[in-house]
C-alpha atoms as a PDB file:
ATOM      1  CA  UNK A   1       0.222   0.021   0.373  1.00  0.00           C
ATOM      2  CA  UNK A   2       2.979   2.443   0.538  1.00  0.00           C
ATOM      3  CA  UNK A   3       4.131   1.787  -2.833  1.00  0.00           C
ATOM      4  CA  UNK A   4       0.605   3.184  -4.353  1.00  0.00           C
ATOM      5  CA  UNK A   5       0.482   5.900  -2.382  1.00  0.00           C
ATOM      6  CA  UNK A   6       3.811   7.566  -3.397  1.00  0.00           C
ATOM      7  CA  UNK A   7       2.999   7.033  -7.492  1.00  0.00           C
ATOM      8  CA  UNK A   8      -0.146   8.605  -6.713  1.00  0.00           C
ATOM      9  CA  UNK A   9       1.475  11.546  -4.963  1.00  0.00           C
ATOM     10  CA  UNK A  10       3.710  11.644  -8.260  1.00  0.00           C
ATOM     11  CA  UNK A  11       0.753  11.957 -10.747  1.00  0.00           C
ATOM     12  CA  UNK A  12      -0.972  14.642  -8.560  1.00  0.00           C
ATOM     13  CA  UNK A  13       2.255  16.528  -8.186  1.00  0.00           C
ATOM     14  CA  UNK A  14       2.792  16.860 -12.076  1.00  0.00           C
ATOM     15  CA  UNK A  15      -1.284  17.428 -12.402  1.00  0.00           C
ATOM     16  CA  UNK A  16      -1.263  20.456 -10.408  1.00  0.00           C
ATOM     17  CA  UNK A  17       1.882  21.648 -11.912  1.00  0.00           C
ATOM     18  CA  UNK A  18       0.379  21.217 -15.535  1.00  0.00           C
ATOM     19  CA  UNK A  19      -2.820  23.292 -14.203  1.00  0.00           C
ATOM     20  CA  UNK A  20      -0.776  26.226 -12.766  1.00  0.00           C
ATOM     21  CA  UNK A  21       0.650  26.727 -16.000  1.00  0.00           C
ATOM     22  CA  UNK A  22      -2.376  26.310 -17.719  1.00  0.00           C
ATOM     23  CA  UNK A  23      -4.185  28.924 -15.215  1.00  0.00           C
ATOM     24  CA  UNK A  24      -0.978  31.363 -15.599  1.00  0.00           C
ATOM     25  CA  UNK A  25      -1.460  31.234 -19.766  1.00  0.00           C
ATOM     26  CA  UNK A  26      -4.959  31.817 -19.181  1.00  0.00           C
ATOM     27  CA  UNK A  27      -4.483  34.712 -17.061  1.00  0.00           C
ATOM     28  CA  UNK A  28      -2.023  36.099 -19.285  1.00  0.00           C
ATOM     29  CA  UNK A  29      -4.234  35.762 -22.387  1.00  0.00           C
ATOM     30  CA  UNK A  30      -7.313  37.305 -20.395  1.00  0.00           C
ATOM     31  CA  UNK A  31      -5.164  40.336 -18.706  1.00  0.00           C
ATOM     32  CA  UNK A  32      -6.269  43.270 -20.519  1.00  0.00           C
ATOM     33  CA  UNK A  33      -3.490  44.805 -23.418  1.00  0.00           C
ATOM     34  CA  UNK A  34      -1.800  47.831 -22.222  1.00  0.00           C
ATOM     35  CA  UNK A  35      -3.648  51.091 -22.845  1.00  0.00           C
ATOM     36  CA  UNK A  36      -2.684  52.988 -26.276  1.00  0.00           C
ATOM     37  CA  UNK A  37      -0.782  55.766 -25.632  1.00  0.00           C
ATOM     38  CA  UNK A  38      -2.511  59.005 -25.250  1.00  0.00           C
ATOM     39  CA  UNK A  39      -2.878  61.276 -28.818  1.00  0.00           C
ATOM     40  CA  UNK A  40      -0.539  64.075 -28.539  1.00  0.00           C
ATOM     41  CA  UNK A  41      -2.269  67.334 -27.317  1.00  0.00           C
ATOM     42  CA  UNK A  42      -3.298  69.603 -30.401  1.00  0.00           C
ATOM     43  CA  UNK A  43      -0.464  72.176 -31.111  1.00  0.00           C
ATOM     44  CA  UNK A  44      -0.773  75.714 -29.265  1.00  0.00           C
ATOM     45  CA  UNK A  45      -2.548  78.492 -31.389  1.00  0.00           C
ATOM     46  CA  UNK A  46      -0.592  81.762 -31.136  1.00  0.00           C
ATOM     47  CA  UNK A  47      -2.554  84.909 -32.449  1.00  0.00           C
ATOM     48  CA  UNK A  48       0.649  85.563 -34.860  1.00  0.00           C
ATOM     49  CA  UNK A  49      -0.380  82.148 -35.912  1.00  0.00           C
ATOM     50  CA  UNK A  50      -3.302  83.678 -37.968  1.00  0.00           C
ATOM     51  CA  UNK A  51      -2.189  87.205 -38.079  1.00  0.00           C
ATOM     52  CA  UNK A  52      -3.448  88.927 -41.247  1.00  0.00           C
ATOM     53  CA  UNK A  53      -6.445  89.577 -43.528  1.00  0.00           C
ATOM     54  CA  UNK A  54      -9.387  86.651 -43.576  1.00  0.00           C
ATOM     55  CA  UNK A  55     -12.122  86.516 -46.232  1.00  0.00           C
ATOM     56  CA  UNK A  56     -14.851  84.725 -43.626  1.00  0.00           C
ATOM     57  CA  UNK A  57     -18.318  83.373 -44.211  1.00  0.00           C
ATOM     58  CA  UNK A  58     -20.582  82.778 -41.961  1.00  0.00           C
ATOM     59  CA  UNK A  59     -23.310  79.678 -42.432  1.00  0.00           C
ATOM     60  CA  UNK A  60     -26.180  78.236 -40.737  1.00  0.00           C
ATOM     61  CA  UNK A  61     -25.316  75.415 -38.061  1.00  0.00           C
ATOM     62  CA  UNK A  62     -25.705  72.462 -40.482  1.00  0.00           C
ATOM     63  CA  UNK A  63     -23.046  74.569 -42.889  1.00  0.00           C
ATOM     64  CA  UNK A  64     -24.716  73.962 -46.196  1.00  0.00           C
ATOM     65  CA  UNK A  65     -26.187  77.664 -46.666  1.00  0.00           C
ATOM     66  CA  UNK A  66     -24.105  80.922 -46.499  1.00  0.00           C
ATOM     67  CA  UNK A  67     -25.868  83.290 -44.173  1.00  0.00           C
ATOM     68  CA  UNK A  68     -23.184  86.717 -45.080  1.00  0.00           C
ATOM     69  CA  UNK A  69     -19.522  87.413 -45.587  1.00  0.00           C
ATOM     70  CA  UNK A  70     -17.055  89.662 -44.083  1.00  0.00           C
ATOM     71  CA  UNK A  71     -13.319  90.952 -43.818  1.00  0.00           C
ATOM     72  CA  UNK A  72     -11.361  89.901 -40.587  1.00  0.00           C
ATOM     73  CA  UNK A  73      -8.517  91.462 -40.054  1.00  0.00           C
ATOM     74  CA  UNK A  74      -6.316  89.661 -37.293  1.00  0.00           C
ATOM     75  CA  UNK A  75      -3.162  90.938 -35.405  1.00  0.00           C
ATOM     76  CA  UNK A  76      -0.299  89.489 -33.813  1.00  0.00           C
ATOM     77  CA  UNK A  77      -1.462  90.743 -30.407  1.00  0.00           C
ATOM     78  CA  UNK A  78      -5.075  91.210 -29.120  1.00  0.00           C
ATOM     79  CA  UNK A  79      -5.353  94.852 -30.211  1.00  0.00           C
ATOM     80  CA  UNK A  80      -6.387  95.558 -33.695  1.00  0.00           C
ATOM     81  CA  UNK A  81      -8.912  92.607 -34.057  1.00  0.00           C
ATOM     82  CA  UNK A  82     -12.114  93.634 -36.162  1.00  0.00           C
ATOM     83  CA  UNK A  83     -14.856  92.480 -38.485  1.00  0.00           C
ATOM     84  CA  UNK A  84     -15.712  94.587 -41.886  1.00  0.00           C
ATOM     85  CA  UNK A  85     -18.960  94.014 -43.716  1.00  0.00           C
ATOM     86  CA  UNK A  86     -18.780  94.770 -47.215  1.00  0.00           C
ATOM     87  CA  UNK A  87     -21.999  97.299 -47.188  1.00  0.00           C
ATOM     88  CA  UNK A  88     -20.253  98.823 -44.043  1.00  0.00           C
ATOM     89  CA  UNK A  89     -17.885 101.678 -43.620  1.00  0.00           C
ATOM     90  CA  UNK A  90     -16.877 101.129 -39.935  1.00  0.00           C
ATOM     91  CA  UNK A  91     -15.184  98.012 -38.957  1.00  0.00           C
ATOM     92  CA  UNK A  92     -16.444  96.019 -35.847  1.00  0.00           C
ATOM     93  CA  UNK A  93     -13.765  95.761 -32.973  1.00  0.00           C
ATOM     94  CA  UNK A  94     -13.308  91.982 -31.820  1.00  0.00           C
ATOM     95  CA  UNK A  95     -11.681  91.103 -28.468  1.00  0.00           C
ATOM     96  CA  UNK A  96     -10.005  88.168 -28.873  1.00  0.00           C
ATOM     97  CA  UNK A  97      -7.556  85.812 -26.382  1.00  0.00           C
ATOM     98  CA  UNK A  98      -5.621  82.605 -27.616  1.00  0.00           C
ATOM     99  CA  UNK A  99      -6.701  79.261 -25.607  1.00  0.00           C
ATOM    100  CA  UNK A 100      -5.046  75.926 -26.553  1.00  0.00           C
ATOM    101  CA  UNK A 101      -5.786  75.247 -30.180  1.00  0.00           C
ATOM    102  CA  UNK A 102      -8.282  77.845 -30.708  1.00  0.00           C
ATOM    103  CA  UNK A 103      -8.808  81.774 -30.933  1.00  0.00           C
ATOM    104  CA  UNK A 104     -11.777  82.820 -28.432  1.00  0.00           C
ATOM    105  CA  UNK A 105     -13.823  85.940 -30.137  1.00  0.00           C
ATOM    106  CA  UNK A 106     -16.306  88.025 -28.707  1.00  0.00           C
ATOM    107  CA  UNK A 107     -17.625  91.242 -30.437  1.00  0.00           C
ATOM    108  CA  UNK A 108     -20.595  93.583 -29.907  1.00  0.00           C
ATOM    109  CA  UNK A 109     -23.109  94.999 -29.461  1.00  0.00           C
ATOM    110  CA  UNK A 110     -23.381  96.022 -32.912  1.00  0.00           C
ATOM    111  CA  UNK A 111     -25.853  96.667 -35.672  1.00  0.00           C
ATOM    112  CA  UNK A 112     -26.379  93.094 -37.050  1.00  0.00           C
ATOM    113  CA  UNK A 113     -25.907  92.238 -40.539  1.00  0.00           C
ATOM    114  CA  UNK A 114     -28.586  89.491 -40.630  1.00  0.00           C
ATOM    115  CA  UNK A 115     -31.132  91.296 -38.680  1.00  0.00           C
ATOM    116  CA  UNK A 116     -32.136  95.125 -39.738  1.00  0.00           C
ATOM    117  CA  UNK A 117     -32.416  97.170 -36.800  1.00  0.00           C
ATOM    118  CA  UNK A 118     -31.128  94.464 -34.383  1.00  0.00           C
ATOM    119  CA  UNK A 119     -27.951  94.899 -32.486  1.00  0.00           C
ATOM    120  CA  UNK A 120     -26.266  91.589 -31.559  1.00  0.00           C
ATOM    121  CA  UNK A 121     -23.475  90.434 -29.453  1.00  0.00           C
ATOM    122  CA  UNK A 122     -21.334  87.575 -30.900  1.00  0.00           C
ATOM    123  CA  UNK A 123     -19.152  85.128 -29.099  1.00  0.00           C
ATOM    124  CA  UNK A 124     -17.521  81.861 -30.504  1.00  0.00           C
ATOM    125  CA  UNK A 125     -14.461  80.085 -31.208  1.00  0.00           C
ATOM    126  CA  UNK A 126     -11.900  79.207 -34.419  1.00  0.00           C
ATOM    127  CA  UNK A 127      -9.021  76.930 -34.562  1.00  0.00           C
ATOM    128  CA  UNK A 128      -7.250  76.088 -37.624  1.00  0.00           C
ATOM    129  CA  UNK A 129      -8.361  72.950 -40.105  1.00  0.00           C
ATOM    130  CA  UNK A 130      -6.633  72.148 -43.124  1.00  0.00           C
ATOM    131  CA  UNK A 131      -5.047  75.933 -43.874  1.00  0.00           C
ATOM    132  CA  UNK A 132      -8.720  77.407 -42.542  1.00  0.00           C
ATOM    133  CA  UNK A 133      -9.833  79.372 -39.972  1.00  0.00           C
ATOM    134  CA  UNK A 134     -13.095  77.218 -38.784  1.00  0.00           C
ATOM    135  CA  UNK A 135     -15.198  77.591 -35.648  1.00  0.00           C
ATOM    136  CA  UNK A 136     -18.730  78.211 -34.364  1.00  0.00           C
ATOM    137  CA  UNK A 137     -20.169  81.661 -33.241  1.00  0.00           C
ATOM    138  CA  UNK A 138     -23.206  82.064 -31.041  1.00  0.00           C
ATOM    139  CA  UNK A 139     -25.262  85.277 -32.055  1.00  0.00           C
ATOM    140  CA  UNK A 140     -27.328  86.827 -28.949  1.00  0.00           C
ATOM    141  CA  UNK A 141     -29.697  89.506 -30.438  1.00  0.00           C
ATOM    142  CA  UNK A 142     -31.354  92.273 -28.292  1.00  0.00           C
ATOM    143  CA  UNK A 143     -34.918  90.998 -28.767  1.00  0.00           C
ATOM    144  CA  UNK A 144     -37.709  89.841 -26.362  1.00  0.00           C
ATOM    145  CA  UNK A 145     -38.700  86.692 -28.705  1.00  0.00           C
ATOM    146  CA  UNK A 146     -37.643  83.164 -28.615  1.00  0.00           C
ATOM    147  CA  UNK A 147     -35.604  83.538 -31.506  1.00  0.00           C
ATOM    148  CA  UNK A 148     -32.849  85.850 -29.767  1.00  0.00           C
ATOM    149  CA  UNK A 149     -29.995  83.159 -30.090  1.00  0.00           C
ATOM    150  CA  UNK A 150     -28.451  81.539 -33.115  1.00  0.00           C
ATOM    151  CA  UNK A 151     -25.664  79.229 -33.797  1.00  0.00           C
ATOM    152  CA  UNK A 152     -23.347  80.225 -36.664  1.00  0.00           C
ATOM    153  CA  UNK A 153     -20.891  78.212 -38.840  1.00  0.00           C
ATOM    154  CA  UNK A 154     -17.691  79.951 -39.659  1.00  0.00           C
ATOM    155  CA  UNK A 155     -15.179  79.593 -42.099  1.00  0.00           C
ATOM    156  CA  UNK A 156     -12.151  81.544 -43.157  1.00  0.00           C
ATOM    157  CA  UNK A 157      -9.483  81.713 -45.674  1.00  0.00           C
ATOM    158  CA  UNK A 158      -6.289  83.974 -45.526  1.00  0.00           C
ATOM    159  CA  UNK A 159      -6.290  86.549 -48.149  1.00  0.00           C
ATOM    160  CA  UNK A 160      -3.148  87.308 -50.154  1.00  0.00           C
END
């Protein structure tokens, strides 16, 4: 009987060793893959990067219809930024600041180019995409009706 115990223990020891290896292999296979490296942060956009004259257009929120066009003057610092609508002599001053990969813009109140007899204040942000200055703007009209706010898509190309 003593001789039988020894082979049974040996078989049990080998079986346990194999199942531990199998468990280690299964755990390694089930372990989650290493997380991918985070995407690099977008390059910071400086005001000097967009300095110059821009031919801008505003579109409805879907971007499938042009509402109006204007010229934007951008400078290397926060002074001297403006919008100039084709039918107006006086440019609209624009307050700007760079924030990460975007330019934050705010202008107004000024007479709306879209809604006659109404003043508007706009704020939005733009960033560079494929050589164009693109973004979204929110127009706040000084009216007491439900249509006092409008989202507008903007797109500009640098003028020579």
